[in-house]
Amino acid sequence: MRRRTRYSALLVAAIVAGAFVVVVRTVQAGPECTPSKAGLRIAASSEKAELLRQMAADYSLKGCGKVTVVTMASGAALDAIADGWSRGDGARPDVWSPAASGWLTLLRQRSPSAPVAAQNPSITKTPLVIAMPEPMAQALGWPEKALGWGDVLKLASDEKGWARHAHPEWGAFRLGKTHPEFSTSGLNATIGAYVAATGLSGDLTTRDVASPAVRRFVQGVERSIVHYGDTTLTFLSNLLRADDAGAAMSYISAVTVEEKSVWDYNQGNPTGDPATLGQHDEPKVPLVAIHPKEGTLLSDNPYAVLKWTSAAKRQVAADFLTYLRAPSQQKTFTDHGFHRFDETLPAKILQVPAPKVLDAVLASWAELRKPANVLMVMDVSGSMEASASGTGKSKLALAQAAAKRAVGDFGPRDRVGLWSFSTGYDELVPVAAGTHDDLRAEIDRLRPRGATGLYDTALAAVEHVQKQARSDTINAVVLLTDGRNEVQQSISLDHLLKGLRGEDPVRVFTIAYGADADLETLETISETTRATSYDSRDPGVIDRIFTEVIANF
């Protein structure tokens, strides 16, 4: 089982500091508030964070108190709060708003002294749906036929794939799902798979979760996973790029997301950021939101004031909650694809399983998930010897510590190897299972030297993984570099990108490390392989970045 699934172990928080931007516009009418100089900090799930930032800016202009919103994955916030926010998680929030109340239930289960109240009101809500490219949904009989978890997940485990529905040109069924220990959509989709496997409409038991038939069904579903991730943004952004290239049907067959995210995607705005709405055309192939006939789970976006919050900040928190639930702000939510907090939804809503059952689901999933076949590639060029500002350590020392911790996030069935590179590359640990100790030992021995041979190394690493690729694993390269290609005799970027393309490519998850990293090129490399690039140009956040990267496996 992975380190993240144990009660005694903790995630490095996946927190991205959200800048507080004062937007000059007319402040919407809202309830009166108690003027305050106290600041309020809210940790919010990604699908609503940008919208909350705009509302916070309007609210602050009223003189009610400055409200800052930071984006934080729900699962990572759970672990940070359970630990008393004692690690390097950034400034402590006063309010936590995960995507769903299930995370609060898990927090209370895992930490009896959890700093949250019994009741935490909703500010808006959106159900989990199965999002599919419209032609694929129609091939399954939508909209005339009601579809559900069972229909889609049965196809996911069918070796014939889309040929079963007269579309062999679409290939295998590819499912996108986020990591259930980080993301609400991933957690809810995993629960949905267990519900579909049992044929029940809810009320899962630990006996159901342990059933061999249920485990076989869930494992079959997991085989169709493209890769995991900490947010649905990776899947939706890659899908929009594929749509731009006229290849929307080749990337993914279905992805489990909140209904609100389908609305965002169909506006050509997969990030859900109101500031970028209208900057991209609507996709040529829209997604449809399938509300599973068996029922679905609800993201109710609770507003939890944490018990360590001061009295002055509690007053601001109470006023801001009233502001968020007022008609004008609720209209803003609904204008962006959410439902009102007090709206009755037509979809059948399943109840989140009891805490003990929910823990059993996560533990079972950790055993059944699709294993990884990953090569870690670390830059050891001379520039890695430079000091990381404000840390008292070199960039390489920080990266070594983060990489060693990340090794523990791989499971026993994952096959993981290690290369280092500068002018050339060195094969240090072969891609194999059970290499954790060897990986940590070799990471410790890394020393800076030479220039940066980025292009040659990236292509060689992909070709190396391709030779060992298996259809039942997530085949990927994780490449960290603090620079740009410096070897004049190397292949060109065009040559590299041509070698990376493929029907089912080895995915290259790149990490731009330090201020001089070539982020634009690294993003191009990752996008070409339908993966994601991570921005760690501030070396101090490399620990968090490694955790986010490993969440893809």
Protein backbone atom coordinates (compact mmCIF):
# COMPACT_ATOMS: atom_id res chain seq x y z
CA MET A 1 0.00 0.00 0.00
CA ARG A 2 1.24 3.51 -0.68
CA ARG A 3 2.53 5.76 2.03
CA ARG A 4 -0.42 8.11 1.45
CA THR A 5 -2.96 5.49 2.47
CA ARG A 6 -1.55 5.00 5.98
CA TYR A 7 -2.90 6.99 8.87
CA SER A 8 0.58 7.64 10.25
CA ALA A 9 1.94 9.04 7.00
CA LEU A 10 1.30 12.46 5.55
CA LEU A 11 1.17 14.04 2.15
CA VAL A 12 3.24 17.04 1.20
CA ALA A 13 0.51 19.61 0.60
CA ALA A 14 -0.38 20.39 -2.97
CA ILE A 15 -0.85 24.09 -2.40
CA VAL A 16 -0.50 26.78 -4.98
CA ALA A 17 -0.47 30.24 -3.48
CA GLY A 18 -3.25 32.29 -5.01
CA ALA A 19 -2.34 35.89 -5.49
CA PHE A 20 -4.87 38.32 -4.08
CA VAL A 21 -5.83 40.55 -6.96
CA VAL A 22 -7.95 43.63 -6.45
CA VAL A 23 -10.09 43.89 -9.54
CA VAL A 24 -11.45 47.31 -10.37
CA ARG A 25 -15.15 46.92 -11.06
CA THR A 26 -18.48 47.79 -9.52
CA VAL A 27 -19.00 45.88 -6.29
CA GLN A 28 -22.14 43.78 -6.38
CA ALA A 29 -24.81 44.60 -3.88
CA GLY A 30 -24.70 42.26 -0.92
CA PRO A 31 -25.46 41.98 2.77
CA GLU A 32 -24.04 44.43 5.25
CA CYS A 33 -20.94 43.33 7.09
CA THR A 34 -19.02 44.26 10.20
CA PRO A 35 -16.08 46.46 9.11
CA SER A 36 -12.84 44.71 10.02
CA LYS A 37 -9.11 44.99 9.50
CA ALA A 38 -8.66 41.27 10.11
CA GLY A 39 -7.52 39.21 7.15
CA LEU A 40 -9.05 35.86 6.29
CA ARG A 41 -7.27 33.04 4.45
CA ILE A 42 -9.31 30.35 2.68
CA ALA A 43 -7.93 27.07 1.29
CA ALA A 44 -10.30 26.10 -1.54
CA SER A 45 -10.54 23.26 -4.05
CA SER A 46 -9.38 24.07 -7.56
CA GLU A 47 -12.66 24.06 -9.50
CA LYS A 48 -14.02 27.06 -7.59
CA ALA A 49 -10.90 28.84 -6.33
CA GLU A 50 -10.64 31.43 -9.12
CA LEU A 51 -14.32 32.31 -8.80
CA LEU A 52 -13.93 32.70 -5.04
CA ARG A 53 -10.96 35.01 -5.62
CA GLN A 54 -13.12 37.36 -7.65
CA MET A 55 -15.83 37.33 -5.00
CA ALA A 56 -13.22 37.88 -2.29
CA ALA A 57 -11.87 40.91 -4.15
CA ASP A 58 -15.37 42.44 -4.36
CA TYR A 59 -16.04 41.66 -0.70
CA SER A 60 -12.77 43.23 0.43
CA LEU A 61 -13.57 46.44 -1.44
CA LYS A 62 -16.58 46.81 0.86
CA GLY A 63 -14.18 47.28 3.81
CA CYS A 64 -15.31 44.04 5.40
CA GLY A 65 -11.83 42.58 5.74
CA LYS A 66 -9.24 41.29 3.31
CA VAL A 67 -9.98 37.75 2.11
CA THR A 68 -7.23 35.74 0.37
CA VAL A 69 -8.02 32.49 -1.43
CA VAL A 70 -5.39 29.81 -2.09
CA THR A 71 -5.88 26.71 -4.20
CA MET A 72 -5.36 23.39 -2.45
CA ALA A 73 -6.21 19.82 -3.40
CA SER A 74 -8.82 18.48 -1.01
CA GLY A 75 -6.88 15.35 -0.07
CA ALA A 76 -3.64 17.23 0.53
CA ALA A 77 -5.44 19.76 2.72
CA LEU A 78 -6.91 16.93 4.77
CA ASP A 79 -3.45 15.60 5.63
CA ALA A 80 -2.01 19.03 6.35
CA ILE A 81 -4.87 19.93 8.70
CA ALA A 82 -4.73 16.54 10.42
CA ASP A 83 -1.05 17.24 11.09
CA GLY A 84 -1.84 20.63 12.63
CA TRP A 85 -0.36 22.44 9.63
CA SER A 86 3.10 21.90 11.07
CA ARG A 87 4.93 21.11 7.83
CA GLY A 88 5.94 23.31 4.89
CA ASP A 89 2.40 23.91 3.72
CA GLY A 90 2.47 27.70 3.53
CA ALA A 91 0.47 30.05 5.74
CA ARG A 92 -2.22 28.33 7.79
CA PRO A 93 -5.80 28.87 6.49
CA ASP A 94 -8.67 30.07 8.64
CA VAL A 95 -11.34 28.41 6.50
CA TRP A 96 -11.19 25.19 4.51
CA SER A 97 -13.57 24.64 1.60
CA PRO A 98 -12.90 21.24 0.00
CA ALA A 99 -15.04 20.14 -2.90
CA ALA A 100 -17.15 17.76 -0.82
CA SER A 101 -18.08 17.05 2.80
CA GLY A 102 -16.67 13.54 2.47
CA TRP A 103 -13.22 15.00 3.12
CA LEU A 104 -14.43 16.43 6.44
CA THR A 105 -15.79 13.00 7.33
CA LEU A 106 -12.43 11.41 6.56
CA LEU A 107 -10.62 14.07 8.57
CA ARG A 108 -12.72 13.32 11.64
CA GLN A 109 -12.16 9.60 11.14
CA ARG A 110 -8.39 9.93 10.92
CA SER A 111 -7.93 12.67 13.49
CA PRO A 112 -10.25 12.58 16.53
CA SER A 113 -9.11 16.11 17.43
CA ALA A 114 -9.86 17.46 13.96
CA PRO A 115 -10.32 21.26 14.10
CA VAL A 116 -13.67 21.31 12.28
CA ALA A 117 -17.22 21.64 13.55
CA ALA A 118 -19.94 19.03 13.07
CA GLN A 119 -21.93 21.24 10.67
CA ASN A 120 -20.31 23.10 7.79
CA PRO A 121 -22.72 24.84 5.40
CA SER A 122 -22.52 24.48 1.64
CA ILE A 123 -21.71 27.52 -0.50
CA THR A 124 -22.52 25.91 -3.89
CA LYS A 125 -22.79 22.42 -5.33
CA THR A 126 -22.24 20.32 -8.42
CA PRO A 127 -22.73 16.58 -9.01
CA LEU A 128 -20.08 14.20 -10.29
CA VAL A 129 -20.72 13.15 -13.89
CA ILE A 130 -19.14 10.92 -16.49
CA ALA A 131 -18.01 13.31 -19.23
CA MET A 132 -17.73 11.82 -22.73
CA PRO A 133 -17.11 13.25 -26.20
CA GLU A 134 -20.59 13.54 -27.66
CA PRO A 135 -20.14 11.01 -30.53
CA MET A 136 -18.91 8.38 -28.07
CA ALA A 137 -21.87 8.93 -25.76
CA GLN A 138 -24.20 8.63 -28.76
CA ALA A 139 -22.55 5.35 -29.74
CA LEU A 140 -23.63 4.00 -26.33
CA GLY A 141 -27.23 5.10 -26.95
CA TRP A 142 -27.21 8.51 -25.26
CA PRO A 143 -29.42 10.51 -24.87
CA GLU A 144 -32.31 8.07 -25.52
CA LYS A 145 -30.74 5.43 -23.29
CA ALA A 146 -29.98 6.17 -19.66
CA LEU A 147 -26.34 5.31 -18.99
CA GLY A 148 -24.61 4.61 -15.74
CA TRP A 149 -21.44 3.56 -14.00
CA GLY A 150 -22.09 -0.05 -14.99
CA ASP A 151 -22.39 0.70 -18.74
CA VAL A 152 -19.28 2.84 -18.96
CA LEU A 153 -17.14 0.82 -16.58
CA LYS A 154 -18.09 -2.45 -18.29
CA LEU A 155 -16.80 -0.99 -21.54
CA ALA A 156 -13.67 0.15 -19.73
CA SER A 157 -12.85 -3.45 -18.85
CA ASP A 158 -13.76 -4.89 -22.29
CA GLU A 159 -10.71 -5.97 -24.29
CA LYS A 160 -12.53 -5.24 -27.58
CA GLY A 161 -12.93 -1.59 -26.61
CA TRP A 162 -14.91 0.57 -29.02
CA ALA A 163 -15.05 -2.25 -31.59
CA ARG A 164 -17.80 -3.63 -29.36
CA HIS A 165 -19.89 -0.62 -30.47
CA ALA A 166 -18.95 -0.63 -34.17
CA HIS A 167 -16.16 1.95 -33.83
CA PRO A 168 -12.84 0.09 -33.97
CA GLU A 169 -11.21 3.31 -35.22
CA TRP A 170 -11.56 4.73 -31.71
CA GLY A 171 -9.38 1.96 -30.32
CA ALA A 172 -9.37 0.93 -26.68
CA PHE A 173 -11.60 2.60 -24.14
CA ARG A 174 -9.49 5.17 -22.27
CA LEU A 175 -10.69 6.41 -18.91
CA GLY A 176 -9.43 9.54 -17.17
CA LYS A 177 -9.68 9.68 -13.41
CA THR A 178 -7.89 11.73 -10.82
CA HIS A 179 -6.11 10.28 -7.81
CA PRO A 180 -8.74 9.47 -5.15
CA GLU A 181 -6.41 10.41 -2.30
CA PHE A 182 -6.03 13.94 -3.72
CA SER A 183 -9.10 14.81 -5.73
CA THR A 184 -12.83 14.76 -5.00
CA SER A 185 -13.77 13.66 -8.51
CA GLY A 186 -11.30 10.77 -8.24
CA LEU A 187 -12.58 9.79 -4.81
CA ASN A 188 -16.21 9.91 -5.91
CA ALA A 189 -15.49 8.04 -9.15
CA THR A 190 -13.77 5.29 -7.18
CA ILE A 191 -16.78 5.00 -4.89
CA GLY A 192 -18.98 4.88 -8.02
CA ALA A 193 -16.94 1.98 -9.41
CA TYR A 194 -17.47 -0.04 -6.23
CA VAL A 195 -21.18 0.80 -6.25
CA ALA A 196 -21.45 -0.33 -9.88
CA ALA A 197 -19.56 -3.54 -9.11
CA THR A 198 -21.98 -4.49 -6.34
CA GLY A 199 -25.15 -3.49 -8.17
CA LEU A 200 -26.23 -1.60 -5.08
CA SER A 201 -27.61 1.92 -5.00
CA GLY A 202 -25.57 2.85 -1.97
CA ASP A 203 -24.83 1.68 1.57
CA LEU A 204 -21.58 -0.08 0.71
CA THR A 205 -20.13 -2.28 3.43
CA THR A 206 -16.57 -3.38 4.08
CA ARG A 207 -17.69 -6.89 3.05
CA ASP A 208 -18.78 -5.52 -0.34
CA VAL A 209 -15.42 -3.81 -0.80
CA ALA A 210 -13.55 -7.04 0.01
CA SER A 211 -15.64 -9.22 -2.32
CA PRO A 212 -13.44 -10.99 -4.92
CA ALA A 213 -15.99 -10.27 -7.66
CA VAL A 214 -16.05 -6.58 -6.79
CA ARG A 215 -12.24 -6.42 -6.71
CA ARG A 216 -12.00 -8.10 -10.13
CA PHE A 217 -14.46 -5.59 -11.60
CA VAL A 218 -12.65 -2.56 -10.13
CA GLN A 219 -9.26 -3.86 -11.23
CA GLY A 220 -10.63 -4.28 -14.76
CA VAL A 221 -11.79 -0.67 -14.73
CA GLU A 222 -8.42 0.57 -13.51
CA ARG A 223 -6.66 -1.12 -16.46
CA SER A 224 -8.32 1.41 -18.79
CA ILE A 225 -6.90 4.41 -16.92
CA VAL A 226 -4.70 6.70 -19.01
CA HIS A 227 -2.97 7.96 -15.87
CA TYR A 228 -4.08 9.50 -12.61
CA GLY A 229 -3.48 13.08 -11.43
CA ASP A 230 -4.15 15.56 -8.65
CA THR A 231 -6.72 17.59 -10.63
CA THR A 232 -8.93 17.08 -13.69
CA LEU A 233 -7.25 20.07 -15.36
CA THR A 234 -4.61 17.81 -16.94
CA PHE A 235 -7.21 15.70 -18.74
CA LEU A 236 -9.41 18.60 -19.84
CA SER A 237 -6.51 20.76 -21.05
CA ASN A 238 -4.98 17.87 -22.99
CA LEU A 239 -8.39 17.04 -24.48
CA LEU A 240 -8.84 20.63 -25.68
CA ARG A 241 -5.40 20.56 -27.32
CA ALA A 242 -6.34 17.27 -29.00
CA ASP A 243 -9.61 18.86 -30.17
CA ASP A 244 -7.66 21.78 -31.64
CA ALA A 245 -5.63 19.24 -33.62
CA GLY A 246 -8.75 17.40 -34.78
CA ALA A 247 -7.96 14.38 -32.60
CA ALA A 248 -10.43 14.71 -29.73
CA MET A 249 -11.54 11.08 -30.06
CA SER A 250 -8.04 9.64 -29.74
CA TYR A 251 -7.02 11.03 -26.34
CA ILE A 252 -9.69 9.94 -23.91
CA SER A 253 -13.07 8.18 -24.01
CA ALA A 254 -14.47 9.38 -20.71
CA VAL A 255 -13.33 11.35 -17.71
CA THR A 256 -15.01 11.61 -14.33
CA VAL A 257 -15.41 15.26 -13.40
CA GLU A 258 -17.78 17.62 -11.66
CA GLU A 259 -20.67 18.78 -13.86
CA LYS A 260 -19.34 22.33 -13.54
CA SER A 261 -16.09 21.28 -15.26
CA VAL A 262 -18.01 20.04 -18.30
CA TRP A 263 -19.59 23.48 -18.57
CA ASP A 264 -16.11 25.07 -18.39
CA TYR A 265 -14.71 22.75 -21.05
CA ASN A 266 -17.56 23.39 -23.45
CA GLN A 267 -16.86 27.12 -23.15
CA GLY A 268 -13.28 26.43 -24.29
CA ASN A 269 -12.10 27.27 -20.78
CA PRO A 270 -10.98 24.02 -19.08
CA THR A 271 -9.24 25.82 -16.20
CA GLY A 272 -12.53 27.34 -15.05
CA ASP A 273 -10.76 30.67 -14.52
CA PRO A 274 -13.27 33.48 -15.21
CA ALA A 275 -10.38 35.67 -16.39
CA THR A 276 -9.70 33.35 -19.36
CA LEU A 277 -13.32 32.75 -20.33
CA GLY A 278 -13.83 33.65 -24.00
CA GLN A 279 -10.14 33.54 -24.93
CA HIS A 280 -10.45 30.18 -26.71
CA ASP A 281 -13.10 28.94 -29.14
CA GLU A 282 -15.57 26.33 -28.00
CA PRO A 283 -14.36 22.78 -28.77
CA LYS A 284 -15.37 21.23 -32.07
CA VAL A 285 -16.36 18.03 -30.23
CA PRO A 286 -18.19 18.97 -27.03
CA LEU A 287 -18.41 16.85 -23.92
CA VAL A 288 -21.73 15.59 -22.62
CA ALA A 289 -22.41 15.17 -18.91
CA ILE A 290 -23.81 11.74 -18.13
CA HIS A 291 -25.62 11.59 -14.80
CA PRO A 292 -25.22 7.90 -13.83
CA LYS A 293 -28.54 6.08 -13.64
CA GLU A 294 -27.41 4.28 -10.46
CA GLY A 295 -26.90 7.65 -8.82
CA THR A 296 -23.92 9.87 -8.27
CA LEU A 297 -22.11 11.70 -5.52
CA LEU A 298 -22.34 15.38 -4.82
CA SER A 299 -19.64 17.97 -4.43
CA ASP A 300 -21.36 20.23 -1.92
CA ASN A 301 -18.42 22.60 -1.31
CA PRO A 302 -18.66 22.97 2.49
CA TYR A 303 -17.36 26.05 4.30
CA ALA A 304 -15.47 24.92 7.40
CA VAL A 305 -14.13 27.54 9.80
CA LEU A 306 -11.15 25.91 11.49
CA LYS A 307 -11.03 25.88 15.26
CA TRP A 308 -7.66 27.64 15.45
CA THR A 309 -9.16 30.75 13.80
CA SER A 310 -9.23 33.89 16.00
CA ALA A 311 -12.46 35.58 17.11
CA ALA A 312 -11.85 38.58 14.84
CA LYS A 313 -11.30 36.35 11.82
CA ARG A 314 -14.34 34.26 12.72
CA GLN A 315 -16.46 37.37 12.39
CA VAL A 316 -15.04 38.02 8.92
CA ALA A 317 -15.57 34.35 8.05
CA ALA A 318 -19.22 34.50 9.13
CA ASP A 319 -19.83 37.69 7.16
CA PHE A 320 -18.11 36.30 4.07
CA LEU A 321 -20.20 33.13 4.26
CA THR A 322 -23.36 35.25 4.34
CA TYR A 323 -22.01 37.19 1.37
CA LEU A 324 -21.34 33.99 -0.61
CA ARG A 325 -24.82 32.62 0.04
CA ALA A 326 -26.58 35.87 -0.93
CA PRO A 327 -28.58 35.87 -4.22
CA SER A 328 -26.10 37.97 -6.21
CA GLN A 329 -23.15 35.68 -5.46
CA GLN A 330 -25.26 32.56 -5.94
CA LYS A 331 -26.16 33.87 -9.40
CA THR A 332 -22.44 34.22 -10.13
CA PHE A 333 -21.96 30.58 -9.18
CA THR A 334 -24.83 29.43 -11.40
CA ASP A 335 -23.62 31.63 -14.26
CA HIS A 336 -20.40 29.60 -14.15
CA GLY A 337 -21.93 26.13 -14.20
CA PHE A 338 -22.57 25.50 -10.49
CA HIS A 339 -25.92 24.95 -8.75
CA ARG A 340 -27.24 27.05 -5.89
CA PHE A 341 -26.39 25.72 -2.45
CA ASP A 342 -30.11 25.27 -1.67
CA GLU A 343 -31.21 23.84 -5.04
CA THR A 344 -32.78 20.38 -5.26
CA LEU A 345 -31.07 18.44 -8.05
CA PRO A 346 -32.97 16.05 -10.35
CA ALA A 347 -30.10 13.53 -10.35
CA LYS A 348 -30.17 10.68 -7.86
CA ILE A 349 -27.60 11.45 -5.18
CA LEU A 350 -25.78 8.63 -3.43
CA GLN A 351 -24.63 8.97 0.13
CA VAL A 352 -20.93 8.93 0.92
CA PRO A 353 -20.10 5.59 2.60
CA ALA A 354 -19.45 5.42 6.33
CA PRO A 355 -15.92 6.51 7.30
CA LYS A 356 -14.73 2.94 7.92
CA VAL A 357 -16.05 1.85 4.51
CA LEU A 358 -14.53 4.87 2.80
CA ASP A 359 -11.14 3.99 4.25
CA ALA A 360 -11.61 0.40 3.05
CA VAL A 361 -12.37 1.68 -0.48
CA LEU A 362 -9.15 3.72 -0.56
CA ALA A 363 -7.07 0.86 0.82
CA SER A 364 -8.57 -1.55 -1.71
CA TRP A 365 -8.02 0.88 -4.58
CA ALA A 366 -4.34 1.24 -3.62
CA GLU A 367 -3.98 -2.50 -4.16
CA LEU A 368 -5.95 -2.62 -7.42
CA ARG A 369 -4.90 0.58 -9.18
CA LYS A 370 -3.00 0.48 -12.46
CA PRO A 371 0.72 0.14 -11.65
CA ALA A 372 3.37 2.48 -13.02
CA ASN A 373 6.40 1.88 -15.23
CA VAL A 374 8.39 5.07 -14.58
CA LEU A 375 11.89 6.35 -15.22
CA MET A 376 12.97 9.28 -13.03
CA VAL A 377 15.53 11.50 -14.82
CA MET A 378 17.36 14.15 -12.76
CA ASP A 379 19.52 17.02 -13.99
CA VAL A 380 22.97 17.11 -12.34
CA SER A 381 24.51 19.83 -14.52
CA GLY A 382 26.88 22.33 -12.90
CA SER A 383 24.12 24.90 -12.33
CA MET A 384 22.45 22.55 -9.86
CA GLU A 385 25.29 23.36 -7.45
CA ALA A 386 23.99 26.94 -7.09
CA SER A 387 22.34 27.96 -3.86
CA ALA A 388 18.55 27.95 -3.66
CA SER A 389 17.71 31.44 -2.39
CA GLY A 390 16.57 31.59 1.22
CA THR A 391 17.12 27.91 1.94
CA GLY A 392 20.81 27.66 2.80
CA LYS A 393 21.02 24.61 0.51
CA SER A 394 21.98 23.96 -3.08
CA LYS A 395 19.31 23.31 -5.68
CA LEU A 396 20.56 19.75 -6.04
CA ALA A 397 20.37 19.12 -2.28
CA LEU A 398 16.74 20.29 -2.18
CA ALA A 399 15.84 18.19 -5.21
CA GLN A 400 17.57 15.13 -3.74
CA ALA A 401 15.60 15.40 -0.49
CA ALA A 402 12.31 15.84 -2.35
CA ALA A 403 13.01 12.98 -4.75
CA LYS A 404 13.89 10.59 -1.91
CA ARG A 405 10.63 11.39 -0.15
CA ALA A 406 8.70 10.96 -3.41
CA VAL A 407 10.11 7.46 -3.86
CA GLY A 408 7.97 6.38 -0.91
CA ASP A 409 4.83 7.38 -2.81
CA PHE A 410 5.33 4.58 -5.32
CA GLY A 411 3.63 1.28 -4.52
CA PRO A 412 5.20 -2.17 -4.34
CA ARG A 413 3.90 -3.11 -7.82
CA ASP A 414 5.30 0.04 -9.46
CA ARG A 415 8.44 -0.40 -11.55
CA VAL A 416 10.72 2.61 -11.07
CA GLY A 417 14.23 3.42 -12.35
CA LEU A 418 16.65 6.36 -12.17
CA TRP A 419 18.91 8.21 -14.60
CA SER A 420 20.99 11.32 -14.04
CA PHE A 421 22.09 13.62 -16.84
CA SER A 422 24.29 16.57 -17.65
CA THR A 423 26.21 16.64 -20.95
CA GLY A 424 25.29 12.96 -21.29
CA TYR A 425 23.21 10.61 -19.21
CA ASP A 426 23.95 7.76 -16.78
CA GLU A 427 21.71 4.78 -16.09
CA LEU A 428 21.82 4.40 -12.30
CA VAL A 429 18.91 2.12 -11.32
CA PRO A 430 17.09 -0.16 -13.78
CA VAL A 431 13.33 0.18 -14.15
CA ALA A 432 12.08 -2.56 -11.84
CA ALA A 433 9.86 -3.23 -8.83
CA GLY A 434 11.27 -3.14 -5.31
CA THR A 435 13.96 -0.56 -6.09
CA HIS A 436 13.08 1.96 -3.35
CA ASP A 437 16.28 1.50 -1.32
CA ASP A 438 18.49 1.55 -4.42
CA LEU A 439 16.77 4.70 -5.68
CA ARG A 440 17.33 6.57 -2.43
CA ALA A 441 20.97 5.47 -2.25
CA GLU A 442 21.73 6.59 -5.82
CA ILE A 443 19.85 9.87 -5.39
CA ASP A 444 22.10 10.55 -2.39
CA ARG A 445 25.20 10.01 -4.54
CA LEU A 446 24.25 12.56 -7.23
CA ARG A 447 26.88 15.28 -7.76
CA PRO A 448 26.75 18.33 -10.09
CA ARG A 449 28.90 18.43 -13.23
CA GLY A 450 28.81 19.38 -16.91
CA ALA A 451 26.28 21.09 -19.20
CA THR A 452 22.62 20.27 -19.91
CA GLY A 453 21.97 17.68 -22.63
CA LEU A 454 18.19 17.95 -22.41
CA TYR A 455 17.01 16.85 -25.88
CA ASP A 456 19.22 13.77 -26.29
CA THR A 457 18.44 12.62 -22.76
CA ALA A 458 14.68 13.10 -23.07
CA LEU A 459 14.49 11.08 -26.29
CA ALA A 460 16.76 8.31 -24.94
CA ALA A 461 14.68 8.08 -21.75
CA VAL A 462 11.43 7.75 -23.70
CA GLU A 463 12.90 5.09 -25.99
CA HIS A 464 14.18 3.22 -22.92
CA VAL A 465 10.71 3.15 -21.35
CA GLN A 466 9.10 2.24 -24.68
CA LYS A 467 11.18 -0.95 -24.82
CA GLN A 468 9.73 -2.01 -21.46
CA ALA A 469 6.24 -0.56 -21.91
CA ARG A 470 3.26 -2.76 -21.09
CA SER A 471 -0.40 -2.21 -21.85
CA ASP A 472 -1.33 -2.79 -18.21
CA THR A 473 0.97 -0.09 -16.79
CA ILE A 474 1.24 3.70 -16.85
CA ASN A 475 4.41 4.20 -18.91
CA ALA A 476 6.11 7.50 -18.18
CA VAL A 477 9.24 9.56 -17.68
CA VAL A 478 9.58 12.13 -14.89
CA LEU A 479 12.25 14.62 -15.97
CA LEU A 480 13.60 17.41 -13.74
CA THR A 481 15.89 20.11 -15.11
CA ASP A 482 17.02 23.58 -14.02
CA GLY A 483 18.16 24.74 -17.45
CA ARG A 484 17.80 24.43 -21.20
CA ASN A 485 19.51 22.34 -23.86
CA GLU A 486 23.19 23.41 -23.97
CA VAL A 487 24.79 20.68 -26.10
CA GLN A 488 25.34 22.03 -29.62
CA GLN A 489 25.82 18.59 -31.20
CA SER A 490 22.47 17.34 -29.87
CA ILE A 491 19.33 16.62 -31.84
CA SER A 492 16.97 19.54 -32.52
CA LEU A 493 13.77 20.21 -30.62
CA ASP A 494 11.75 19.29 -33.72
CA HIS A 495 13.60 15.96 -33.92
CA LEU A 496 12.84 15.33 -30.24
CA LEU A 497 9.14 16.15 -30.56
CA LYS A 498 8.79 13.91 -33.62
CA GLY A 499 10.26 11.05 -31.62
CA LEU A 500 7.88 11.65 -28.71
CA ARG A 501 4.66 11.47 -30.69
CA GLY A 502 2.63 8.32 -30.92
CA GLU A 503 -0.82 6.74 -30.66
CA ASP A 504 -0.21 5.86 -27.02
CA PRO A 505 2.97 7.76 -26.14
CA VAL A 506 5.25 7.38 -23.15
CA ARG A 507 4.14 10.38 -21.13
CA VAL A 508 6.85 12.82 -20.10
CA PHE A 509 6.04 14.74 -16.92
CA THR A 510 8.56 17.57 -16.79
CA ILE A 511 9.60 19.72 -13.83
CA ALA A 512 10.96 23.19 -14.57
CA TYR A 513 13.28 23.66 -11.59
CA GLY A 514 14.80 27.04 -10.75
CA ALA A 515 14.55 30.46 -12.35
CA ASP A 516 16.61 29.52 -15.44
CA ALA A 517 14.57 26.47 -16.42
CA ASP A 518 13.18 26.52 -19.97
CA LEU A 519 9.52 26.26 -18.93
CA GLU A 520 8.13 26.88 -22.41
CA THR A 521 10.11 24.02 -23.97
CA LEU A 522 9.32 21.68 -21.10
CA GLU A 523 5.62 22.45 -21.48
CA THR A 524 5.86 21.63 -25.19
CA ILE A 525 7.54 18.30 -24.41
CA SER A 526 4.85 17.34 -21.91
CA GLU A 527 1.97 18.51 -24.10
CA THR A 528 3.33 16.50 -27.03
CA THR A 529 3.15 13.35 -24.91
CA ARG A 530 -0.26 14.23 -23.39
CA ALA A 531 1.23 14.74 -19.97
CA THR A 532 1.76 17.80 -17.76
CA SER A 533 4.62 20.16 -17.01
CA TYR A 534 5.13 21.38 -13.44
CA ASP A 535 6.48 24.80 -12.50
CA SER A 536 9.05 24.67 -9.69
CA ARG A 537 11.01 27.76 -10.68
CA ASP A 538 10.85 28.57 -6.98
CA PRO A 539 13.10 25.72 -5.73
CA GLY A 540 11.52 25.96 -2.28
CA VAL A 541 8.33 24.27 -3.53
CA ILE A 542 10.03 21.24 -5.10
CA ASP A 543 8.79 18.94 -2.32
CA ARG A 544 5.17 19.78 -3.14
CA ILE A 545 5.80 19.53 -6.88
CA PHE A 546 7.22 16.02 -6.59
CA THR A 547 4.13 14.96 -4.66
CA GLU A 548 1.87 16.37 -7.38
CA VAL A 549 3.87 14.61 -10.09
CA ILE A 550 3.77 11.21 -8.37
CA ALA A 551 -0.02 11.62 -7.99
CA ASN A 552 -0.19 10.78 -11.70
CA PHE A 553 0.77 7.18 -10.89
